[in-house]
Amino acid sequence: MLKFDHVSKRYPDAGDALVDVSFHLARGEMAFLTGHSGAGKSTLLKLIAMMETCSRGHVLLDGQNLNRISERQVPYLRRNLGLIFQDYKLLLDRTVFDNVALPLVISGYGHQDIAKRVRAALDKVGLLGKEKKYPLALSGGEQQRVGIARAVVNKPRLILADEPTGNLDPELSAEVMHLFEQFQQVGVSVLIASHDIDLITRMGYRMLVLDHGHLVKG
């Protein structure tokens, strides 16, 4: 599903963010990416999401070399990704329904198909009765679940989550992780960046550990 082959990323002003990183994430596998602040976690996710390109090496997604993808192809490849952020990145002037529907609208789905998929995604995260509410009327945990529904409404093959529980209490964090497990159990690959070592250890999944841009475990 996902392969990093001796990948390095250097920023002209900040130096090396990743150094000679190699790993493979299988289809339907769930894994955690961890390390100290500034270790390179967000940079690694940005390479997969094609927000950045690597300086050396190759990133392969479903066998496609992302180094060789044209700018015109990027939006189509991103349709296979579900992106989840710590700060939710919801549109505050749009309802829950409209936030979740956005990827489908961009992809050109019809109204009936959008309504069906959005309600299915909201049902999956336990928010089916709140589709007409606005984000600021929701708790932090509910906003994060809206972000997850938006990420999975397009039925992606890979979910990338950047510190998805950073703003949540332990109970809500456990609920969110259980949702990720449910998606993994139906064949979706899941890669979660997190600094919460206690939570990661309790989950018992594979751990990829970065240290100053070097992959030192996993």
N, C-alpha and C. Protein backbone atom coordinates (compact mmCIF):
# COMPACT_ATOMS: atom_id res chain seq x y z
N MET A 1 0.84 -1.21 0.00
CA MET A 1 0.00 0.00 0.00
C MET A 1 0.87 1.25 0.00
N LEU A 2 1.77 1.36 1.01
CA LEU A 2 2.63 2.55 1.14
C LEU A 2 4.06 2.10 1.39
N LYS A 3 4.98 2.69 0.64
CA LYS A 3 6.39 2.34 0.80
C LYS A 3 7.26 3.59 0.74
N PHE A 4 8.12 3.74 1.75
CA PHE A 4 9.17 4.76 1.75
C PHE A 4 10.49 4.06 1.45
N ASP A 5 11.17 4.50 0.41
CA ASP A 5 12.40 3.86 -0.04
C ASP A 5 13.55 4.87 0.06
N HIS A 6 14.28 4.83 1.20
CA HIS A 6 15.44 5.70 1.43
C HIS A 6 15.08 7.18 1.19
N VAL A 7 14.04 7.61 1.87
CA VAL A 7 13.50 8.96 1.67
C VAL A 7 14.18 9.97 2.60
N SER A 8 14.61 11.08 2.02
CA SER A 8 15.12 12.21 2.79
C SER A 8 14.39 13.47 2.35
N LYS A 9 14.23 14.39 3.31
CA LYS A 9 13.63 15.68 3.00
C LYS A 9 14.46 16.77 3.67
N ARG A 10 14.98 17.68 2.86
CA ARG A 10 15.79 18.79 3.36
C ARG A 10 15.12 20.10 2.99
N TYR A 11 14.99 20.98 3.99
CA TYR A 11 14.49 22.33 3.76
C TYR A 11 15.68 23.28 3.69
N PRO A 12 15.71 24.16 2.70
CA PRO A 12 16.88 25.04 2.53
C PRO A 12 17.26 25.82 3.78
N ASP A 13 16.27 26.29 4.52
CA ASP A 13 16.56 27.13 5.68
C ASP A 13 16.63 26.36 7.00
N ALA A 14 16.06 25.15 7.01
CA ALA A 14 15.93 24.43 8.28
C ALA A 14 16.72 23.12 8.33
N GLY A 15 17.33 22.74 7.24
CA GLY A 15 18.12 21.50 7.24
C GLY A 15 17.27 20.25 7.02
N ASP A 16 17.79 19.11 7.48
CA ASP A 16 17.15 17.82 7.22
C ASP A 16 15.98 17.58 8.17
N ALA A 17 14.80 17.34 7.59
CA ALA A 17 13.63 16.96 8.38
C ALA A 17 13.49 15.45 8.44
N LEU A 18 13.88 14.77 7.36
CA LEU A 18 13.89 13.30 7.30
C LEU A 18 15.19 12.85 6.66
N VAL A 19 15.76 11.75 7.17
CA VAL A 19 17.05 11.27 6.67
C VAL A 19 16.98 9.76 6.41
N ASP A 20 17.01 9.38 5.14
CA ASP A 20 17.14 7.98 4.72
C ASP A 20 16.10 7.08 5.40
N VAL A 21 14.83 7.47 5.29
CA VAL A 21 13.74 6.73 5.94
C VAL A 21 13.19 5.67 5.00
N SER A 22 13.11 4.43 5.48
CA SER A 22 12.54 3.33 4.71
C SER A 22 11.59 2.53 5.58
N PHE A 23 10.38 2.27 5.08
CA PHE A 23 9.42 1.38 5.75
C PHE A 23 8.30 1.05 4.77
N HIS A 24 7.51 0.04 5.14
CA HIS A 24 6.38 -0.38 4.31
C HIS A 24 5.15 -0.52 5.18
N LEU A 25 4.03 0.03 4.75
CA LEU A 25 2.75 -0.12 5.43
C LEU A 25 1.85 -0.95 4.54
N ALA A 26 1.42 -2.10 5.03
CA ALA A 26 0.63 -3.03 4.23
C ALA A 26 -0.82 -2.57 4.11
N ARG A 27 -1.52 -3.08 3.13
CA ARG A 27 -2.94 -2.78 2.99
C ARG A 27 -3.70 -3.31 4.21
N GLY A 28 -4.53 -2.49 4.80
CA GLY A 28 -5.30 -2.90 5.96
C GLY A 28 -4.51 -2.89 7.26
N GLU A 29 -3.30 -2.33 7.25
CA GLU A 29 -2.49 -2.26 8.47
C GLU A 29 -2.70 -0.93 9.18
N MET A 30 -2.67 -0.96 10.51
CA MET A 30 -2.73 0.25 11.31
C MET A 30 -1.42 0.39 12.06
N ALA A 31 -0.82 1.59 12.01
CA ALA A 31 0.46 1.82 12.67
C ALA A 31 0.50 3.24 13.22
N PHE A 32 1.37 3.42 14.21
CA PHE A 32 1.55 4.73 14.84
C PHE A 32 2.93 5.28 14.48
N LEU A 33 2.96 6.59 14.24
CA LEU A 33 4.19 7.31 13.97
C LEU A 33 4.44 8.24 15.15
N THR A 34 5.57 8.08 15.81
CA THR A 34 5.81 8.88 17.00
C THR A 34 7.25 9.39 17.04
N GLY A 35 7.54 10.19 18.05
CA GLY A 35 8.85 10.82 18.18
C GLY A 35 8.70 12.18 18.82
N HIS A 36 9.81 12.80 19.19
CA HIS A 36 9.79 14.10 19.87
C HIS A 36 9.26 15.18 18.94
N SER A 37 8.90 16.32 19.49
CA SER A 37 8.47 17.46 18.69
C SER A 37 9.60 17.87 17.74
N GLY A 38 9.28 17.97 16.45
CA GLY A 38 10.29 18.29 15.46
C GLY A 38 11.03 17.09 14.92
N ALA A 39 10.58 15.88 15.26
CA ALA A 39 11.27 14.67 14.80
C ALA A 39 11.06 14.38 13.33
N GLY A 40 9.99 14.98 12.73
CA GLY A 40 9.74 14.76 11.31
C GLY A 40 8.40 14.10 11.01
N LYS A 41 7.55 13.94 12.03
CA LYS A 41 6.27 13.24 11.85
C LYS A 41 5.38 13.95 10.82
N SER A 42 5.18 15.25 11.02
CA SER A 42 4.29 15.98 10.11
C SER A 42 4.86 16.03 8.70
N THR A 43 6.19 16.17 8.60
CA THR A 43 6.82 16.18 7.28
C THR A 43 6.56 14.87 6.56
N LEU A 44 6.68 13.76 7.27
CA LEU A 44 6.45 12.45 6.65
C LEU A 44 5.02 12.35 6.12
N LEU A 45 4.04 12.80 6.91
CA LEU A 45 2.66 12.74 6.46
C LEU A 45 2.44 13.66 5.26
N LYS A 46 3.08 14.82 5.25
CA LYS A 46 2.93 15.76 4.13
C LYS A 46 3.48 15.17 2.83
N LEU A 47 4.52 14.35 2.93
CA LEU A 47 5.05 13.71 1.73
C LEU A 47 4.02 12.74 1.14
N ILE A 48 3.32 12.01 2.02
CA ILE A 48 2.31 11.06 1.55
C ILE A 48 1.12 11.81 0.94
N ALA A 49 0.74 12.93 1.57
CA ALA A 49 -0.40 13.72 1.09
C ALA A 49 -0.03 14.62 -0.08
N MET A 50 1.22 14.56 -0.51
CA MET A 50 1.72 15.34 -1.64
C MET A 50 1.63 16.84 -1.39
N MET A 51 1.75 17.23 -0.11
CA MET A 51 1.89 18.64 0.23
C MET A 51 3.36 19.06 0.14
N GLU A 52 4.25 18.08 0.17
CA GLU A 52 5.68 18.28 0.00
C GLU A 52 6.21 17.17 -0.90
N THR A 53 7.39 17.37 -1.46
CA THR A 53 8.05 16.32 -2.23
C THR A 53 9.40 16.02 -1.57
N CYS A 54 9.82 14.77 -1.67
CA CYS A 54 11.07 14.39 -1.00
C CYS A 54 12.28 14.89 -1.79
N SER A 55 13.39 15.07 -1.07
CA SER A 55 14.63 15.54 -1.68
C SER A 55 15.40 14.38 -2.30
N ARG A 56 15.34 13.22 -1.65
CA ARG A 56 15.98 12.01 -2.17
C ARG A 56 15.08 10.82 -1.86
N GLY A 57 15.25 9.73 -2.62
CA GLY A 57 14.47 8.52 -2.39
C GLY A 57 13.12 8.58 -3.10
N HIS A 58 12.27 7.60 -2.72
CA HIS A 58 10.98 7.46 -3.41
C HIS A 58 9.87 7.14 -2.40
N VAL A 59 8.71 7.77 -2.60
CA VAL A 59 7.50 7.43 -1.86
C VAL A 59 6.53 6.79 -2.85
N LEU A 60 6.11 5.56 -2.55
CA LEU A 60 5.21 4.84 -3.44
C LEU A 60 3.88 4.59 -2.73
N LEU A 61 2.78 4.93 -3.41
CA LEU A 61 1.44 4.72 -2.89
C LEU A 61 0.68 3.88 -3.90
N ASP A 62 0.28 2.69 -3.47
CA ASP A 62 -0.39 1.75 -4.39
C ASP A 62 0.45 1.53 -5.65
N GLY A 63 1.76 1.48 -5.47
CA GLY A 63 2.65 1.21 -6.59
C GLY A 63 3.00 2.42 -7.43
N GLN A 64 2.37 3.57 -7.18
CA GLN A 64 2.67 4.79 -7.93
C GLN A 64 3.75 5.60 -7.23
N ASN A 65 4.75 5.98 -7.99
CA ASN A 65 5.84 6.79 -7.46
C ASN A 65 5.37 8.24 -7.38
N LEU A 66 5.24 8.77 -6.16
CA LEU A 66 4.70 10.11 -5.98
C LEU A 66 5.65 11.18 -6.50
N ASN A 67 6.93 10.83 -6.67
CA ASN A 67 7.89 11.78 -7.24
C ASN A 67 7.56 12.10 -8.70
N ARG A 68 6.85 11.19 -9.34
CA ARG A 68 6.60 11.32 -10.78
C ARG A 68 5.16 11.75 -11.09
N ILE A 69 4.44 12.18 -10.06
CA ILE A 69 3.06 12.61 -10.24
C ILE A 69 3.03 14.08 -10.64
N SER A 70 2.30 14.40 -11.68
CA SER A 70 2.18 15.79 -12.10
C SER A 70 1.21 16.52 -11.18
N GLU A 71 1.30 17.84 -11.16
CA GLU A 71 0.41 18.64 -10.31
C GLU A 71 -1.05 18.38 -10.66
N ARG A 72 -1.34 18.13 -11.91
CA ARG A 72 -2.71 17.89 -12.36
C ARG A 72 -3.26 16.58 -11.80
N GLN A 73 -2.36 15.62 -11.53
CA GLN A 73 -2.79 14.31 -11.01
C GLN A 73 -2.99 14.30 -9.49
N VAL A 74 -2.41 15.27 -8.79
CA VAL A 74 -2.44 15.28 -7.33
C VAL A 74 -3.86 15.21 -6.76
N PRO A 75 -4.81 16.04 -7.21
CA PRO A 75 -6.16 15.97 -6.63
C PRO A 75 -6.80 14.59 -6.77
N TYR A 76 -6.52 13.89 -7.86
CA TYR A 76 -7.11 12.58 -8.07
C TYR A 76 -6.51 11.55 -7.12
N LEU A 77 -5.19 11.63 -6.87
CA LEU A 77 -4.58 10.71 -5.93
C LEU A 77 -5.04 10.97 -4.51
N ARG A 78 -5.28 12.24 -4.17
CA ARG A 78 -5.72 12.56 -2.81
C ARG A 78 -7.11 12.02 -2.52
N ARG A 79 -7.87 11.68 -3.54
CA ARG A 79 -9.20 11.11 -3.30
C ARG A 79 -9.11 9.74 -2.63
N ASN A 80 -7.93 9.12 -2.71
CA ASN A 80 -7.72 7.83 -2.04
C ASN A 80 -7.20 7.99 -0.62
N LEU A 81 -7.04 9.25 -0.17
CA LEU A 81 -6.53 9.53 1.17
C LEU A 81 -7.60 10.18 2.03
N GLY A 82 -7.62 9.82 3.31
CA GLY A 82 -8.44 10.51 4.29
C GLY A 82 -7.51 11.25 5.23
N LEU A 83 -7.61 12.58 5.28
CA LEU A 83 -6.70 13.40 6.08
C LEU A 83 -7.43 13.93 7.31
N ILE A 84 -6.82 13.72 8.49
CA ILE A 84 -7.42 14.14 9.76
C ILE A 84 -6.38 14.96 10.52
N PHE A 85 -6.82 16.14 11.02
CA PHE A 85 -5.90 17.09 11.64
C PHE A 85 -6.24 17.29 13.11
N GLN A 86 -5.23 17.67 13.89
CA GLN A 86 -5.43 17.92 15.32
C GLN A 86 -6.38 19.09 15.54
N ASP A 87 -6.29 20.13 14.69
CA ASP A 87 -7.12 21.32 14.89
C ASP A 87 -8.39 21.28 14.03
N TYR A 88 -8.75 20.08 13.58
CA TYR A 88 -10.03 19.78 12.92
C TYR A 88 -10.14 20.37 11.51
N LYS A 89 -9.79 21.66 11.34
CA LYS A 89 -9.89 22.34 10.04
C LYS A 89 -11.29 22.25 9.44
N LEU A 90 -12.29 22.47 10.27
CA LEU A 90 -13.68 22.50 9.79
C LEU A 90 -14.02 23.91 9.32
N LEU A 91 -14.97 24.01 8.40
CA LEU A 91 -15.48 25.29 7.93
C LEU A 91 -16.56 25.74 8.90
N LEU A 92 -16.29 26.80 9.65
CA LEU A 92 -17.18 27.19 10.75
C LEU A 92 -18.49 27.78 10.27
N ASP A 93 -18.53 28.25 9.01
CA ASP A 93 -19.76 28.83 8.49
C ASP A 93 -20.59 27.81 7.71
N ARG A 94 -20.20 26.54 7.77
CA ARG A 94 -20.94 25.46 7.11
C ARG A 94 -21.44 24.48 8.16
N THR A 95 -22.55 23.84 7.87
CA THR A 95 -23.10 22.85 8.79
C THR A 95 -22.23 21.60 8.81
N VAL A 96 -22.49 20.73 9.78
CA VAL A 96 -21.81 19.44 9.85
C VAL A 96 -21.99 18.69 8.53
N PHE A 97 -23.21 18.65 8.02
CA PHE A 97 -23.48 17.96 6.76
C PHE A 97 -22.60 18.51 5.65
N ASP A 98 -22.56 19.84 5.52
CA ASP A 98 -21.80 20.46 4.43
C ASP A 98 -20.30 20.22 4.58
N ASN A 99 -19.80 20.22 5.81
CA ASN A 99 -18.38 19.93 6.04
C ASN A 99 -18.02 18.53 5.57
N VAL A 100 -18.85 17.56 5.94
CA VAL A 100 -18.57 16.17 5.57
C VAL A 100 -18.75 15.96 4.07
N ALA A 101 -19.70 16.68 3.48
CA ALA A 101 -19.99 16.51 2.05
C ALA A 101 -18.93 17.09 1.14
N LEU A 102 -18.09 17.99 1.67
CA LEU A 102 -17.16 18.75 0.82
C LEU A 102 -16.32 17.89 -0.12
N PRO A 103 -15.68 16.80 0.34
CA PRO A 103 -14.88 16.00 -0.60
C PRO A 103 -15.71 15.41 -1.74
N LEU A 104 -16.98 15.09 -1.45
CA LEU A 104 -17.84 14.51 -2.48
C LEU A 104 -18.27 15.57 -3.49
N VAL A 105 -18.54 16.78 -3.00
CA VAL A 105 -18.89 17.89 -3.90
C VAL A 105 -17.73 18.18 -4.85
N ILE A 106 -16.52 18.22 -4.29
CA ILE A 106 -15.32 18.47 -5.11
C ILE A 106 -15.14 17.38 -6.15
N SER A 107 -15.48 16.14 -5.78
CA SER A 107 -15.31 15.00 -6.70
C SER A 107 -16.44 14.89 -7.71
N GLY A 108 -17.50 15.71 -7.57
CA GLY A 108 -18.56 15.74 -8.57
C GLY A 108 -19.68 14.74 -8.38
N TYR A 109 -19.88 14.25 -7.14
CA TYR A 109 -20.97 13.31 -6.89
C TYR A 109 -22.32 14.03 -6.98
N GLY A 110 -23.38 13.27 -7.31
CA GLY A 110 -24.73 13.82 -7.37
C GLY A 110 -25.32 13.99 -5.99
N HIS A 111 -26.39 14.80 -5.90
CA HIS A 111 -26.99 15.15 -4.61
C HIS A 111 -27.45 13.92 -3.82
N GLN A 112 -28.10 12.98 -4.48
CA GLN A 112 -28.61 11.81 -3.78
C GLN A 112 -27.48 10.95 -3.23
N ASP A 113 -26.45 10.77 -4.03
CA ASP A 113 -25.30 9.97 -3.59
C ASP A 113 -24.58 10.66 -2.43
N ILE A 114 -24.46 11.99 -2.52
CA ILE A 114 -23.82 12.75 -1.43
C ILE A 114 -24.60 12.57 -0.14
N ALA A 115 -25.92 12.74 -0.19
CA ALA A 115 -26.75 12.61 1.01
C ALA A 115 -26.61 11.23 1.64
N LYS A 116 -26.60 10.21 0.81
CA LYS A 116 -26.50 8.83 1.30
C LYS A 116 -25.14 8.58 1.98
N ARG A 117 -24.08 9.02 1.32
CA ARG A 117 -22.73 8.79 1.84
C ARG A 117 -22.45 9.61 3.12
N VAL A 118 -22.92 10.86 3.12
CA VAL A 118 -22.69 11.72 4.29
C VAL A 118 -23.39 11.13 5.51
N ARG A 119 -24.64 10.71 5.34
CA ARG A 119 -25.38 10.16 6.48
C ARG A 119 -24.76 8.86 6.96
N ALA A 120 -24.25 8.06 6.04
CA ALA A 120 -23.58 6.82 6.43
C ALA A 120 -22.32 7.12 7.23
N ALA A 121 -21.55 8.13 6.80
CA ALA A 121 -20.32 8.49 7.50
C ALA A 121 -20.63 9.07 8.88
N LEU A 122 -21.66 9.91 8.97
CA LEU A 122 -22.04 10.48 10.26
C LEU A 122 -22.57 9.41 11.21
N ASP A 123 -23.29 8.45 10.66
CA ASP A 123 -23.78 7.34 11.48
C ASP A 123 -22.61 6.54 12.04
N LYS A 124 -21.58 6.37 11.23
CA LYS A 124 -20.40 5.60 11.65
C LYS A 124 -19.71 6.24 12.85
N VAL A 125 -19.72 7.58 12.90
CA VAL A 125 -19.04 8.27 14.00
C VAL A 125 -20.01 8.74 15.09
N GLY A 126 -21.26 8.31 14.99
CA GLY A 126 -22.23 8.61 16.04
C GLY A 126 -22.77 10.02 16.06
N LEU A 127 -22.84 10.66 14.87
CA LEU A 127 -23.30 12.05 14.80
C LEU A 127 -24.46 12.24 13.83
N LEU A 128 -25.22 11.19 13.58
CA LEU A 128 -26.26 11.25 12.56
C LEU A 128 -27.31 12.30 12.87
N GLY A 129 -27.59 12.57 14.14
CA GLY A 129 -28.62 13.54 14.48
C GLY A 129 -28.15 14.98 14.51
N LYS A 130 -26.87 15.22 14.14
CA LYS A 130 -26.32 16.57 14.28
C LYS A 130 -25.87 17.16 12.95
N GLU A 131 -26.41 16.66 11.86
CA GLU A 131 -25.93 17.12 10.55
C GLU A 131 -26.29 18.58 10.27
N LYS A 132 -27.29 19.14 10.94
CA LYS A 132 -27.69 20.52 10.68
C LYS A 132 -27.02 21.52 11.63
N LYS A 133 -26.25 21.03 12.58
CA LYS A 133 -25.57 21.92 13.52
C LYS A 133 -24.30 22.49 12.88
N TYR A 134 -23.82 23.58 13.48
CA TYR A 134 -22.56 24.19 13.04
C TYR A 134 -21.44 23.75 13.99
N PRO A 135 -20.19 23.70 13.50
CA PRO A 135 -19.09 23.19 14.32
C PRO A 135 -18.96 23.79 15.70
N LEU A 136 -19.16 25.10 15.83
CA LEU A 136 -18.98 25.75 17.13
C LEU A 136 -20.03 25.33 18.15
N ALA A 137 -21.10 24.69 17.69
CA ALA A 137 -22.13 24.18 18.62
C ALA A 137 -21.78 22.78 19.13
N LEU A 138 -20.65 22.24 18.70
CA LEU A 138 -20.24 20.89 19.07
C LEU A 138 -19.08 20.92 20.06
N SER A 139 -18.94 19.85 20.81
CA SER A 139 -17.77 19.69 21.70
C SER A 139 -16.53 19.39 20.86
N GLY A 140 -15.36 19.46 21.50
CA GLY A 140 -14.12 19.15 20.79
C GLY A 140 -14.11 17.73 20.25
N GLY A 141 -14.61 16.78 21.03
CA GLY A 141 -14.66 15.39 20.58
C GLY A 141 -15.58 15.23 19.39
N GLU A 142 -16.72 15.95 19.40
CA GLU A 142 -17.65 15.87 18.28
C GLU A 142 -17.06 16.50 17.03
N GLN A 143 -16.35 17.61 17.19
CA GLN A 143 -15.70 18.24 16.04
C GLN A 143 -14.65 17.30 15.43
N GLN A 144 -13.91 16.60 16.28
CA GLN A 144 -12.93 15.67 15.75
C GLN A 144 -13.61 14.54 14.99
N ARG A 145 -14.76 14.08 15.49
CA ARG A 145 -15.50 13.02 14.79
C ARG A 145 -16.07 13.51 13.46
N VAL A 146 -16.44 14.79 13.38
CA VAL A 146 -16.84 15.36 12.09
C VAL A 146 -15.66 15.30 11.12
N GLY A 147 -14.47 15.64 11.62
CA GLY A 147 -13.27 15.55 10.78
C GLY A 147 -13.01 14.14 10.30
N ILE A 148 -13.26 13.16 11.15
CA ILE A 148 -13.07 11.77 10.75
C ILE A 148 -14.11 11.37 9.71
N ALA A 149 -15.37 11.78 9.92
CA ALA A 149 -16.42 11.48 8.94
C ALA A 149 -16.08 12.07 7.58
N ARG A 150 -15.58 13.30 7.58
CA ARG A 150 -15.18 13.95 6.32
C ARG A 150 -14.05 13.18 5.66
N ALA A 151 -13.13 12.66 6.46
CA ALA A 151 -11.98 11.94 5.92
C ALA A 151 -12.37 10.61 5.30
N VAL A 152 -13.42 9.97 5.80
CA VAL A 152 -13.75 8.62 5.33
C VAL A 152 -14.95 8.59 4.39
N VAL A 153 -15.62 9.75 4.18
CA VAL A 153 -16.84 9.76 3.36
C VAL A 153 -16.56 9.32 1.92
N ASN A 154 -15.34 9.56 1.47
CA ASN A 154 -14.96 9.19 0.10
C ASN A 154 -14.41 7.77 0.01
N LYS A 155 -14.54 7.02 1.10
CA LYS A 155 -14.06 5.62 1.17
C LYS A 155 -12.60 5.50 0.75
N PRO A 156 -11.69 6.18 1.47
CA PRO A 156 -10.27 6.16 1.10
C PRO A 156 -9.63 4.81 1.39
N ARG A 157 -8.50 4.56 0.73
CA ARG A 157 -7.75 3.33 1.00
C ARG A 157 -6.73 3.54 2.12
N LEU A 158 -6.39 4.81 2.41
CA LEU A 158 -5.41 5.13 3.44
C LEU A 158 -5.88 6.34 4.23
N ILE A 159 -5.89 6.22 5.57
CA ILE A 159 -6.19 7.34 6.45
C ILE A 159 -4.89 7.82 7.08
N LEU A 160 -4.65 9.15 7.02
CA LEU A 160 -3.51 9.78 7.68
C LEU A 160 -4.05 10.71 8.75
N ALA A 161 -3.62 10.52 9.99
CA ALA A 161 -4.11 11.34 11.10
C ALA A 161 -2.93 11.97 11.82
N ASP A 162 -2.94 13.30 11.90
CA ASP A 162 -1.84 14.04 12.54
C ASP A 162 -2.28 14.51 13.92
N GLU A 163 -1.81 13.85 14.96
CA GLU A 163 -2.15 14.16 16.36
C GLU A 163 -3.68 14.28 16.55
N PRO A 164 -4.45 13.27 16.16
CA PRO A 164 -5.91 13.40 16.18
C PRO A 164 -6.51 13.46 17.58
N THR A 165 -5.75 13.08 18.60
CA THR A 165 -6.29 13.11 19.96
C THR A 165 -5.59 14.14 20.84
N GLY A 166 -4.80 15.03 20.23
CA GLY A 166 -4.00 15.98 20.99
C GLY A 166 -4.82 16.92 21.85
N ASN A 167 -6.06 17.21 21.43
CA ASN A 167 -6.91 18.14 22.17
C ASN A 167 -8.00 17.45 22.99
N LEU A 168 -7.92 16.12 23.09
CA LEU A 168 -9.00 15.36 23.70
C LEU A 168 -8.58 14.74 25.02
N ASP A 169 -9.56 14.52 25.91
CA ASP A 169 -9.27 13.85 27.18
C ASP A 169 -9.11 12.35 26.92
N PRO A 170 -8.60 11.59 27.90
CA PRO A 170 -8.32 10.16 27.68
C PRO A 170 -9.52 9.35 27.20
N GLU A 171 -10.71 9.64 27.74
CA GLU A 171 -11.89 8.87 27.34
C GLU A 171 -12.25 9.12 25.87
N LEU A 172 -12.23 10.39 25.46
CA LEU A 172 -12.52 10.71 24.07
C LEU A 172 -11.42 10.19 23.14
N SER A 173 -10.18 10.24 23.60
CA SER A 173 -9.08 9.71 22.81
C SER A 173 -9.29 8.23 22.51
N ALA A 174 -9.72 7.47 23.51
CA ALA A 174 -9.98 6.05 23.34
C ALA A 174 -11.11 5.82 22.34
N GLU A 175 -12.15 6.67 22.38
CA GLU A 175 -13.26 6.54 21.43
C GLU A 175 -12.79 6.77 20.00
N VAL A 176 -11.98 7.81 19.81
CA VAL A 176 -11.47 8.12 18.48
C VAL A 176 -10.60 6.98 17.95
N MET A 177 -9.73 6.44 18.82
CA MET A 177 -8.88 5.33 18.39
C MET A 177 -9.70 4.10 18.04
N HIS A 178 -10.80 3.88 18.76
CA HIS A 178 -11.67 2.76 18.44
C HIS A 178 -12.28 2.93 17.05
N LEU A 179 -12.61 4.17 16.67
CA LEU A 179 -13.11 4.42 15.32
C LEU A 179 -12.07 4.05 14.27
N PHE A 180 -10.82 4.44 14.51
CA PHE A 180 -9.75 4.09 13.57
C PHE A 180 -9.63 2.57 13.44
N GLU A 181 -9.74 1.87 14.55
CA GLU A 181 -9.67 0.41 14.52
C GLU A 181 -10.79 -0.17 13.66
N GLN A 182 -11.98 0.41 13.75
CA GLN A 182 -13.10 -0.09 12.96
C GLN A 182 -12.82 0.05 11.46
N PHE A 183 -12.22 1.16 11.06
CA PHE A 183 -11.89 1.34 9.64
C PHE A 183 -10.79 0.36 9.23
N GLN A 184 -9.81 0.17 10.10
CA GLN A 184 -8.73 -0.77 9.80
C GLN A 184 -9.25 -2.18 9.63
N GLN A 185 -10.26 -2.54 10.40
CA GLN A 185 -10.81 -3.89 10.36
C GLN A 185 -11.56 -4.20 9.06
N VAL A 186 -11.92 -3.15 8.31
CA VAL A 186 -12.58 -3.39 7.01
C VAL A 186 -11.61 -3.13 5.86
N GLY A 187 -10.30 -3.14 6.15
CA GLY A 187 -9.30 -3.13 5.09
C GLY A 187 -8.68 -1.79 4.76
N VAL A 188 -9.00 -0.74 5.54
CA VAL A 188 -8.40 0.58 5.31
C VAL A 188 -7.06 0.64 6.05
N SER A 189 -6.02 1.11 5.38
CA SER A 189 -4.74 1.32 6.04
C SER A 189 -4.80 2.61 6.84
N VAL A 190 -4.19 2.63 8.03
CA VAL A 190 -4.28 3.79 8.92
C VAL A 190 -2.89 4.09 9.47
N LEU A 191 -2.44 5.34 9.30
CA LEU A 191 -1.17 5.79 9.86
C LEU A 191 -1.45 7.02 10.72
N ILE A 192 -1.14 6.91 12.01
CA ILE A 192 -1.49 7.95 12.98
C ILE A 192 -0.22 8.51 13.60
N ALA A 193 -0.01 9.82 13.46
CA ALA A 193 1.10 10.49 14.13
C ALA A 193 0.63 10.93 15.51
N SER A 194 1.37 10.55 16.55
CA SER A 194 0.98 10.88 17.92
C SER A 194 2.21 10.89 18.82
N HIS A 195 2.18 11.78 19.83
CA HIS A 195 3.24 11.80 20.83
C HIS A 195 2.80 11.13 22.12
N ASP A 196 1.57 10.60 22.15
CA ASP A 196 1.00 9.99 23.36
C ASP A 196 1.47 8.54 23.48
N ILE A 197 2.65 8.36 24.04
CA ILE A 197 3.26 7.03 24.11
C ILE A 197 2.40 6.07 24.93
N ASP A 198 1.81 6.54 26.02
CA ASP A 198 0.97 5.65 26.84
C ASP A 198 -0.19 5.09 26.03
N LEU A 199 -0.86 5.96 25.27
CA LEU A 199 -1.98 5.52 24.44
C LEU A 199 -1.51 4.54 23.37
N ILE A 200 -0.42 4.87 22.71
CA ILE A 200 0.11 4.01 21.65
C ILE A 200 0.46 2.63 22.19
N THR A 201 1.10 2.61 23.36
CA THR A 201 1.51 1.33 23.97
C THR A 201 0.30 0.48 24.31
N ARG A 202 -0.74 1.12 24.85
CA ARG A 202 -1.97 0.38 25.18
C ARG A 202 -2.64 -0.21 23.94
N MET A 203 -2.56 0.49 22.82
CA MET A 203 -3.22 0.02 21.61
C MET A 203 -2.56 -1.24 21.06
N GLY A 204 -1.23 -1.32 21.20
CA GLY A 204 -0.55 -2.55 20.82
C GLY A 204 -0.27 -2.72 19.34
N TYR A 205 -0.35 -1.64 18.57
CA TYR A 205 -0.07 -1.74 17.14
C TYR A 205 1.40 -1.39 16.87
N ARG A 206 1.83 -1.63 15.64
CA ARG A 206 3.20 -1.33 15.23
C ARG A 206 3.51 0.15 15.47
N MET A 207 4.73 0.43 15.90
CA MET A 207 5.16 1.78 16.21
C MET A 207 6.37 2.14 15.35
N LEU A 208 6.27 3.26 14.63
CA LEU A 208 7.37 3.81 13.86
C LEU A 208 7.90 5.02 14.63
N VAL A 209 9.16 4.98 15.04
CA VAL A 209 9.71 6.03 15.91
C VAL A 209 10.74 6.85 15.14
N LEU A 210 10.51 8.17 15.08
CA LEU A 210 11.46 9.09 14.45
C LEU A 210 12.26 9.82 15.52
N ASP A 211 13.54 10.02 15.23
CA ASP A 211 14.43 10.78 16.12
C ASP A 211 15.29 11.68 15.25
N HIS A 212 15.01 12.99 15.30
CA HIS A 212 15.74 13.97 14.48
C HIS A 212 15.80 13.55 13.01
N GLY A 213 14.64 13.09 12.50
CA GLY A 213 14.51 12.74 11.09
C GLY A 213 14.91 11.33 10.73
N HIS A 214 15.49 10.58 11.67
CA HIS A 214 15.91 9.21 11.41
C HIS A 214 14.85 8.23 11.96
N LEU A 215 14.52 7.22 11.19
CA LEU A 215 13.62 6.18 11.68
C LEU A 215 14.44 5.21 12.52
N VAL A 216 14.23 5.21 13.83
CA VAL A 216 15.06 4.41 14.74
C VAL A 216 14.34 3.17 15.23
N LYS A 217 13.05 3.03 14.91
CA LYS A 217 12.30 1.82 15.28
C LYS A 217 11.14 1.66 14.34
N GLY A 218 10.86 0.41 13.95
CA GLY A 218 9.68 0.13 13.16
C GLY A 218 9.96 -0.19 11.70
